[in-house]
Amino acid sequence: MIQRATKKAASWAQIQRIDELREILGWSKDELGRFIIKHLHIIANFTNLSPKNASKLIYILDKIVKSKADMHKNEL
């Protein structure tokens, strides 16, 4: 009997974190989708990412949010 590999989806916590970071950045879901395609070279909705790709995206978005916060702090 041949078993097919089942694709694991990102956890609910990962999806929530991505959505939270998206809102902090002020991006629409379409803008986030274009970012995923451009920077991760993946054609997928952020809710259908693998756990590994979701972790990569969270890391990248977190860095963007932190750099914007640092820039804003330096302006004050």
C-alpha atoms as a PDB file:
ATOM      1  CA  MET A   1       0.000   0.000   0.000  1.00  0.00           C
ATOM      2  CA  ILE A   2       1.392   3.394  -1.023  1.00  0.00           C
ATOM      3  CA  GLN A   3       1.044   6.215   1.464  1.00  0.00           C
ATOM      4  CA  ARG A   4       0.898   9.777   0.287  1.00  0.00           C
ATOM      5  CA  ALA A   5       2.766  12.415   2.156  1.00  0.00           C
ATOM      6  CA  THR A   6       0.296  14.693   3.821  1.00  0.00           C
ATOM      7  CA  LYS A   7       1.098  18.367   3.768  1.00  0.00           C
ATOM      8  CA  LYS A   8       1.071  19.808   7.234  1.00  0.00           C
ATOM      9  CA  ALA A   9      -0.426  23.247   7.512  1.00  0.00           C
ATOM     10  CA  ALA A  10       0.793  26.075   9.692  1.00  0.00           C
ATOM     11  CA  SER A  11      -0.541  26.024  13.231  1.00  0.00           C
ATOM     12  CA  TRP A  12      -3.362  28.296  14.300  1.00  0.00           C
ATOM     13  CA  ALA A  13      -0.919  30.245  16.486  1.00  0.00           C
ATOM     14  CA  GLN A  14       1.376  30.845  13.505  1.00  0.00           C
ATOM     15  CA  ILE A  15      -1.533  32.059  11.378  1.00  0.00           C
ATOM     16  CA  GLN A  16      -2.683  34.388  14.147  1.00  0.00           C
ATOM     17  CA  ARG A  17       0.851  35.791  14.578  1.00  0.00           C
ATOM     18  CA  ILE A  18       1.209  36.415  10.833  1.00  0.00           C
ATOM     19  CA  ASP A  19      -2.162  38.169  10.774  1.00  0.00           C
ATOM     20  CA  GLU A  20      -1.185  40.259  13.808  1.00  0.00           C
ATOM     21  CA  LEU A  21       2.095  41.342  12.184  1.00  0.00           C
ATOM     22  CA  ARG A  22       0.228  42.104   8.942  1.00  0.00           C
ATOM     23  CA  GLU A  23      -2.119  44.411  10.835  1.00  0.00           C
ATOM     24  CA  ILE A  24       0.779  46.131  12.649  1.00  0.00           C
ATOM     25  CA  LEU A  25       2.398  46.839   9.278  1.00  0.00           C
ATOM     26  CA  GLY A  26      -0.918  48.094   7.904  1.00  0.00           C
ATOM     27  CA  TRP A  27      -0.870  45.647   4.981  1.00  0.00           C
ATOM     28  CA  SER A  28      -3.899  44.137   3.315  1.00  0.00           C
ATOM     29  CA  LYS A  29      -4.076  40.384   2.778  1.00  0.00           C
ATOM     30  CA  ASP A  30      -3.317  40.973  -0.905  1.00  0.00           C
ATOM     31  CA  GLU A  31      -0.186  42.962  -0.050  1.00  0.00           C
ATOM     32  CA  LEU A  32       0.937  40.162   2.251  1.00  0.00           C
ATOM     33  CA  GLY A  33       0.308  37.657  -0.536  1.00  0.00           C
ATOM     34  CA  ARG A  34       2.475  39.654  -2.938  1.00  0.00           C
ATOM     35  CA  PHE A  35       5.199  39.876  -0.274  1.00  0.00           C
ATOM     36  CA  ILE A  36       5.120  36.090   0.187  1.00  0.00           C
ATOM     37  CA  ILE A  37       5.453  35.526  -3.550  1.00  0.00           C
ATOM     38  CA  LYS A  38       8.250  38.085  -3.938  1.00  0.00           C
ATOM     39  CA  HIS A  39      10.382  37.212  -0.909  1.00  0.00           C
ATOM     40  CA  LEU A  40       9.634  33.559  -0.147  1.00  0.00           C
ATOM     41  CA  HIS A  41       9.007  32.600  -3.786  1.00  0.00           C
ATOM     42  CA  ILE A  42       5.909  30.685  -2.721  1.00  0.00           C
ATOM     43  CA  ILE A  43       2.534  30.977  -4.337  1.00  0.00           C
ATOM     44  CA  ALA A  44       0.248  30.358  -1.373  1.00  0.00           C
ATOM     45  CA  ASN A  45      -2.223  32.040   0.880  1.00  0.00           C
ATOM     46  CA  PHE A  46      -0.631  32.694   4.280  1.00  0.00           C
ATOM     47  CA  THR A  47      -3.187  30.368   5.888  1.00  0.00           C
ATOM     48  CA  ASN A  48      -1.978  27.471   3.688  1.00  0.00           C
ATOM     49  CA  LEU A  49       1.754  27.745   4.342  1.00  0.00           C
ATOM     50  CA  SER A  50       3.782  24.852   5.688  1.00  0.00           C
ATOM     51  CA  PRO A  51       4.953  25.259   9.301  1.00  0.00           C
ATOM     52  CA  LYS A  52       8.533  25.843   8.103  1.00  0.00           C
ATOM     53  CA  ASN A  53       7.524  28.580   5.645  1.00  0.00           C
ATOM     54  CA  ALA A  54       5.193  30.139   8.219  1.00  0.00           C
ATOM     55  CA  SER A  55       8.114  30.342  10.655  1.00  0.00           C
ATOM     56  CA  LYS A  56      10.270  31.995   7.989  1.00  0.00           C
ATOM     57  CA  LEU A  57       7.532  34.518   7.244  1.00  0.00           C
ATOM     58  CA  ILE A  58       7.017  35.321  10.940  1.00  0.00           C
ATOM     59  CA  TYR A  59      10.760  35.860  11.353  1.00  0.00           C
ATOM     60  CA  ILE A  60      10.927  38.212   8.349  1.00  0.00           C
ATOM     61  CA  LEU A  61       7.811  40.187   9.312  1.00  0.00           C
ATOM     62  CA  ASP A  62       9.042  40.457  12.915  1.00  0.00           C
ATOM     63  CA  LYS A  63      12.330  41.943  11.679  1.00  0.00           C
ATOM     64  CA  ILE A  64      10.447  44.477   9.532  1.00  0.00           C
ATOM     65  CA  VAL A  65       8.206  45.513  12.434  1.00  0.00           C
ATOM     66  CA  LYS A  66      11.204  45.867  14.786  1.00  0.00           C
ATOM     67  CA  SER A  67      13.208  47.898  12.268  1.00  0.00           C
ATOM     68  CA  LYS A  68      10.257  50.243  11.705  1.00  0.00           C
ATOM     69  CA  ALA A  69       9.862  50.625  15.473  1.00  0.00           C
ATOM     70  CA  ASP A  70      13.583  51.392  15.845  1.00  0.00           C
ATOM     71  CA  MET A  71      13.411  53.965  13.042  1.00  0.00           C
ATOM     72  CA  HIS A  72      10.421  55.598  14.707  1.00  0.00           C
ATOM     73  CA  LYS A  73      12.198  55.621  18.078  1.00  0.00           C
ATOM     74  CA  ASN A  74      15.272  57.273  16.531  1.00  0.00           C
ATOM     75  CA  GLU A  75      13.088  60.015  15.032  1.00  0.00           C
ATOM     76  CA  LEU A  76      11.836  61.053  18.476  1.00  0.00           C
END
